[in-house]
N, C-alpha and C. Protein backbone atom coordinates (compact mmCIF):
# COMPACT_ATOMS: atom_id res chain seq x y z
N MET A 1 -21.31 3.62 -31.21
CA MET A 1 -21.28 2.21 -30.62
C MET A 1 -22.56 1.53 -31.68
N ASP A 2 -22.39 -0.06 -31.67
CA ASP A 2 -22.98 -0.93 -32.35
C ASP A 2 -24.35 -1.53 -31.58
N SER A 3 -25.52 -1.91 -32.37
CA SER A 3 -26.31 -2.09 -31.22
C SER A 3 -26.30 -2.97 -30.05
N SER A 4 -25.72 -4.64 -30.57
CA SER A 4 -25.18 -5.50 -29.51
C SER A 4 -24.88 -4.38 -28.69
N THR A 5 -24.11 -3.77 -28.69
CA THR A 5 -23.29 -3.30 -27.43
C THR A 5 -24.21 -2.51 -26.86
N LYS A 6 -25.47 -2.02 -27.09
CA LYS A 6 -26.57 -0.84 -26.95
C LYS A 6 -27.03 -1.95 -25.90
N ALA A 7 -27.55 -2.97 -26.48
CA ALA A 7 -28.03 -4.39 -25.94
C ALA A 7 -27.58 -4.64 -24.76
N LEU A 8 -26.13 -4.76 -24.73
CA LEU A 8 -25.38 -5.39 -23.59
C LEU A 8 -25.24 -4.73 -22.15
N ILE A 9 -25.11 -2.81 -22.74
CA ILE A 9 -25.76 -2.05 -21.91
C ILE A 9 -26.77 -1.96 -21.36
N ARG A 10 -27.83 -1.53 -21.82
CA ARG A 10 -29.19 -1.80 -21.73
C ARG A 10 -29.63 -2.83 -20.87
N THR A 11 -29.48 -4.15 -21.19
CA THR A 11 -29.40 -5.15 -20.10
C THR A 11 -28.67 -5.09 -18.71
N PHE A 12 -27.55 -4.79 -18.85
CA PHE A 12 -26.77 -4.58 -17.42
C PHE A 12 -27.07 -3.75 -16.93
N SER A 13 -27.89 -2.63 -17.46
CA SER A 13 -28.71 -1.72 -16.49
C SER A 13 -29.57 -1.70 -16.01
N GLU A 14 -30.43 -2.55 -16.65
CA GLU A 14 -31.43 -3.60 -15.92
C GLU A 14 -31.13 -3.88 -14.82
N LYS A 15 -29.89 -5.10 -14.85
CA LYS A 15 -29.76 -6.42 -13.98
C LYS A 15 -28.86 -5.43 -12.47
N VAL A 16 -29.06 -4.28 -12.90
CA VAL A 16 -28.14 -3.19 -11.52
C VAL A 16 -29.30 -2.77 -10.67
N GLY A 17 -30.36 -3.27 -10.95
CA GLY A 17 -31.87 -3.08 -10.29
C GLY A 17 -31.66 -3.41 -8.86
N ARG A 18 -31.24 -4.28 -8.63
CA ARG A 18 -31.54 -4.68 -7.46
C ARG A 18 -30.25 -4.24 -6.18
N TYR A 19 -29.44 -3.58 -7.17
CA TYR A 19 -28.17 -3.14 -5.72
C TYR A 19 -29.09 -1.69 -5.34
N PRO A 20 -28.44 -1.50 -4.26
CA PRO A 20 -29.82 -0.30 -3.37
C PRO A 20 -29.28 0.77 -4.27
N GLU A 21 -29.98 2.11 -4.73
CA GLU A 21 -29.96 2.93 -5.27
C GLU A 21 -28.76 4.05 -5.62
N GLU A 22 -28.09 4.18 -4.78
CA GLU A 22 -26.63 5.01 -4.18
C GLU A 22 -25.90 4.02 -5.08
N GLU A 23 -25.54 2.78 -5.08
CA GLU A 23 -24.99 1.61 -5.17
C GLU A 23 -24.89 1.63 -6.93
N ARG A 24 -26.19 1.01 -7.40
CA ARG A 24 -26.79 1.44 -8.67
C ARG A 24 -25.85 2.56 -9.33
N LYS A 25 -26.31 4.27 -9.12
CA LYS A 25 -26.12 5.00 -9.44
C LYS A 25 -24.40 5.38 -9.52
N GLN A 26 -23.60 4.33 -8.71
CA GLN A 26 -22.53 4.69 -8.66
C GLN A 26 -21.90 3.66 -9.82
N ILE A 27 -22.19 2.44 -10.08
CA ILE A 27 -22.07 1.00 -10.93
C ILE A 27 -22.95 1.88 -12.47
N LEU A 28 -23.45 2.56 -12.52
CA LEU A 28 -24.03 3.19 -14.02
C LEU A 28 -22.95 4.40 -14.20
N SER A 29 -22.66 4.80 -12.98
CA SER A 29 -21.74 5.92 -13.24
C SER A 29 -20.19 5.63 -14.05
N ALA A 30 -20.07 4.26 -13.24
CA ALA A 30 -18.31 4.08 -14.13
C ALA A 30 -18.36 3.31 -15.06
N LEU A 31 -19.88 3.04 -15.26
CA LEU A 31 -19.83 2.34 -16.68
C LEU A 31 -20.29 3.76 -18.08
N ARG A 32 -20.74 4.44 -17.53
CA ARG A 32 -20.50 6.11 -18.54
C ARG A 32 -19.24 6.39 -18.69
N TRP A 33 -18.63 6.21 -17.62
CA TRP A 33 -16.69 7.12 -17.34
C TRP A 33 -16.57 5.94 -18.21
N ALA A 34 -16.17 4.38 -18.48
CA ALA A 34 -15.58 3.23 -19.33
C ALA A 34 -16.42 3.78 -20.57
N GLU A 35 -17.25 3.87 -21.05
CA GLU A 35 -17.35 4.07 -22.30
C GLU A 35 -16.85 5.24 -22.60
N GLY A 36 -16.72 6.30 -22.28
CA GLY A 36 -16.27 7.44 -22.85
C GLY A 36 -14.99 6.81 -23.07
N LEU A 37 -14.07 6.30 -21.42
CA LEU A 37 -12.70 6.23 -21.92
C LEU A 37 -12.41 5.04 -22.95
N HIS A 38 -13.34 4.47 -23.74
CA HIS A 38 -13.11 3.38 -24.26
C HIS A 38 -13.47 3.87 -25.77
N ARG A 39 -14.76 4.52 -25.78
CA ARG A 39 -15.40 4.97 -26.95
C ARG A 39 -14.88 5.07 -28.12
N ASP A 40 -13.49 4.84 -28.62
CA ASP A 40 -12.55 5.02 -30.10
C ASP A 40 -12.43 3.51 -30.16
N GLN A 41 -11.87 2.46 -29.12
CA GLN A 41 -11.13 1.34 -28.91
C GLN A 41 -11.91 0.11 -29.23
N LEU A 42 -11.31 -0.30 -30.20
CA LEU A 42 -11.27 -1.86 -30.51
C LEU A 42 -10.69 -2.85 -29.82
N ARG A 43 -11.53 -4.12 -30.00
CA ARG A 43 -10.12 -5.59 -29.74
C ARG A 43 -10.09 -5.60 -30.92
N ALA A 44 -8.63 -6.73 -30.96
CA ALA A 44 -7.89 -7.70 -32.26
C ALA A 44 -9.47 -7.91 -32.47
N SER A 45 -10.51 -8.38 -32.27
CA SER A 45 -11.57 -9.01 -32.89
C SER A 45 -12.50 -8.13 -33.67
N GLY A 46 -12.51 -6.80 -33.77
CA GLY A 46 -13.12 -5.77 -34.18
C GLY A 46 -14.23 -5.23 -33.30
N GLU A 47 -14.15 -5.97 -31.86
CA GLU A 47 -15.06 -5.86 -30.88
C GLU A 47 -14.98 -4.10 -30.39
N PRO A 48 -15.99 -3.57 -29.76
CA PRO A 48 -16.04 -2.45 -28.98
C PRO A 48 -15.21 -2.65 -28.11
N PHE A 49 -14.34 -2.42 -27.50
CA PHE A 49 -13.19 -2.58 -26.24
C PHE A 49 -14.62 -2.77 -25.16
N LEU A 50 -14.98 -2.06 -25.06
CA LEU A 50 -15.97 -2.29 -23.46
C LEU A 50 -17.01 -3.70 -23.74
N ILE A 51 -17.02 -4.03 -25.01
CA ILE A 51 -17.42 -5.47 -24.50
C ILE A 51 -16.88 -6.53 -23.58
N HIS A 52 -15.44 -6.48 -23.57
CA HIS A 52 -14.82 -7.45 -22.44
C HIS A 52 -15.23 -7.26 -21.10
N PRO A 53 -14.51 -5.60 -20.31
CA PRO A 53 -15.02 -5.16 -19.49
C PRO A 53 -16.48 -5.21 -18.21
N LEU A 54 -17.20 -5.18 -19.49
CA LEU A 54 -18.82 -5.61 -19.53
C LEU A 54 -19.53 -6.52 -18.98
N SER A 55 -18.73 -7.57 -20.05
CA SER A 55 -19.15 -8.86 -19.60
C SER A 55 -18.62 -9.31 -17.86
N VAL A 56 -17.53 -8.69 -17.83
CA VAL A 56 -17.04 -9.82 -16.72
C VAL A 56 -18.20 -8.97 -15.91
N ALA A 57 -18.43 -7.98 -15.67
CA ALA A 57 -19.36 -6.84 -14.73
C ALA A 57 -20.46 -7.59 -14.41
N ASP A 58 -21.31 -7.79 -15.64
CA ASP A 58 -22.48 -8.73 -16.04
C ASP A 58 -22.18 -10.32 -14.89
N ILE A 59 -21.24 -11.05 -15.34
CA ILE A 59 -20.77 -12.05 -14.55
C ILE A 59 -20.68 -11.48 -12.79
N LEU A 60 -20.47 -10.69 -12.69
CA LEU A 60 -20.26 -10.22 -10.71
C LEU A 60 -21.60 -10.31 -10.81
N VAL A 61 -22.19 -9.47 -11.25
CA VAL A 61 -24.15 -8.84 -10.83
C VAL A 61 -24.88 -10.31 -10.88
N ASP A 62 -24.79 -11.57 -11.90
CA ASP A 62 -25.35 -12.49 -11.86
C ASP A 62 -25.06 -13.35 -10.42
N ALA A 63 -23.72 -13.12 -9.70
CA ALA A 63 -22.95 -13.43 -8.54
C ALA A 63 -23.28 -12.85 -7.39
N HIS A 64 -23.71 -11.82 -7.76
CA HIS A 64 -24.41 -10.67 -6.51
C HIS A 64 -23.20 -10.25 -5.76
N LEU A 65 -22.03 -9.97 -6.43
CA LEU A 65 -20.99 -9.44 -5.69
C LEU A 65 -21.55 -8.11 -5.77
N ASP A 66 -20.07 -7.60 -4.79
CA ASP A 66 -20.56 -6.31 -3.86
C ASP A 66 -20.55 -4.69 -5.47
N TYR A 67 -21.02 -3.96 -4.70
CA TYR A 67 -20.48 -2.48 -6.09
C TYR A 67 -19.32 -2.47 -7.18
N GLN A 68 -18.91 -2.31 -5.14
CA GLN A 68 -17.20 -2.06 -5.37
C GLN A 68 -16.59 -3.09 -6.35
N THR A 69 -16.72 -4.11 -6.49
CA THR A 69 -16.33 -5.53 -7.03
C THR A 69 -16.93 -5.14 -8.36
N VAL A 70 -17.82 -4.82 -8.77
CA VAL A 70 -18.84 -4.30 -10.10
C VAL A 70 -18.32 -3.21 -10.76
N ILE A 71 -17.40 -2.27 -10.24
CA ILE A 71 -17.36 -1.49 -10.33
C ILE A 71 -15.83 -1.10 -10.68
N ALA A 72 -15.24 -2.31 -10.03
CA ALA A 72 -13.87 -2.47 -10.32
C ALA A 72 -13.83 -3.57 -12.04
N ALA A 73 -14.49 -4.66 -12.21
CA ALA A 73 -14.53 -4.81 -13.24
C ALA A 73 -15.13 -3.77 -14.15
N ILE A 74 -15.63 -3.22 -14.55
CA ILE A 74 -16.25 -2.43 -15.73
C ILE A 74 -15.06 -1.28 -15.91
N LEU A 75 -14.10 -0.91 -14.70
CA LEU A 75 -13.04 -0.31 -14.59
C LEU A 75 -11.59 -1.14 -15.20
N HIS A 76 -11.87 -2.19 -15.31
CA HIS A 76 -10.81 -2.79 -14.88
C HIS A 76 -9.31 -2.83 -15.96
N ASP A 77 -9.67 -2.50 -17.15
CA ASP A 77 -9.06 -2.10 -17.78
C ASP A 77 -8.53 -0.69 -18.81
N ALA A 78 -9.37 0.07 -17.59
CA ALA A 78 -9.08 1.45 -17.78
C ALA A 78 -7.81 2.43 -17.65
N LEU A 79 -7.11 1.36 -16.38
CA LEU A 79 -5.65 1.93 -15.93
C LEU A 79 -4.79 1.78 -17.17
N GLU A 80 -4.69 0.24 -17.69
CA GLU A 80 -3.29 -0.32 -18.70
C GLU A 80 -4.03 0.25 -20.40
N ASP A 81 -5.23 0.65 -20.61
CA ASP A 81 -5.47 1.08 -22.09
C ASP A 81 -6.45 2.04 -22.38
N THR A 82 -6.18 2.66 -21.34
CA THR A 82 -6.61 4.83 -20.98
C THR A 82 -5.46 5.29 -20.34
N GLY A 83 -6.05 6.48 -20.87
CA GLY A 83 -5.35 7.90 -20.18
C GLY A 83 -5.53 7.87 -19.03
N LEU A 84 -6.10 7.31 -18.27
CA LEU A 84 -7.02 6.71 -16.93
C LEU A 84 -5.76 6.75 -15.37
N SER A 85 -5.73 7.77 -14.72
CA SER A 85 -4.43 7.59 -13.69
C SER A 85 -5.01 6.96 -12.79
N SER A 86 -4.57 5.99 -11.93
CA SER A 86 -4.82 5.60 -10.56
C SER A 86 -5.44 6.48 -9.54
N ARG A 87 -5.18 7.77 -9.74
CA ARG A 87 -4.98 9.04 -8.45
C ARG A 87 -6.35 9.25 -9.17
N GLU A 88 -7.28 9.73 -10.13
CA GLU A 88 -8.39 9.35 -10.65
C GLU A 88 -9.15 8.64 -10.46
N LEU A 89 -8.80 7.11 -10.73
CA LEU A 89 -9.75 6.44 -9.98
C LEU A 89 -10.08 6.49 -8.79
N ARG A 90 -8.98 6.40 -8.16
CA ARG A 90 -8.68 6.48 -6.87
C ARG A 90 -10.18 7.71 -6.21
N LYS A 91 -10.09 8.87 -6.41
CA LYS A 91 -10.50 10.00 -6.22
C LYS A 91 -12.03 9.86 -7.11
N GLU A 92 -12.53 9.14 -7.57
CA GLU A 92 -13.67 9.24 -8.05
C GLU A 92 -14.56 8.25 -7.30
N TYR A 93 -13.67 6.56 -7.24
CA TYR A 93 -14.12 5.72 -6.55
C TYR A 93 -13.72 5.34 -5.72
N GLY A 94 -12.85 5.94 -4.54
CA GLY A 94 -12.45 5.48 -3.77
C GLY A 94 -11.01 4.02 -3.82
N ARG A 95 -10.71 4.06 -2.52
CA ARG A 95 -9.68 3.20 -2.15
C ARG A 95 -10.07 1.58 -2.92
N GLU A 96 -10.91 1.26 -2.56
CA GLU A 96 -11.90 -0.19 -2.42
C GLU A 96 -12.04 -0.15 -3.91
N VAL A 97 -12.59 0.50 -4.69
CA VAL A 97 -12.52 -0.01 -6.33
C VAL A 97 -10.83 0.43 -7.08
């Protein structure tokens, strides 16, 4: 992972500090999961694949949206671009996400 992605993750992780502890844990868990799912994927631009979903989630945190919406943003590319199934996603984060 490149240094700019690490910096984005670090900044995002600090921002989610405004959520209650259990919600923050769920958000950061989804982030770690997405990191693993997208580990070796790159966008056509050459950027790490995670940049886009993380950037979307960052905007939603700034907009003070609920934690389920933030998790959905983090994982929104995972169903179509990784081997993740909707069943696995529901099991881990519930129907709402």
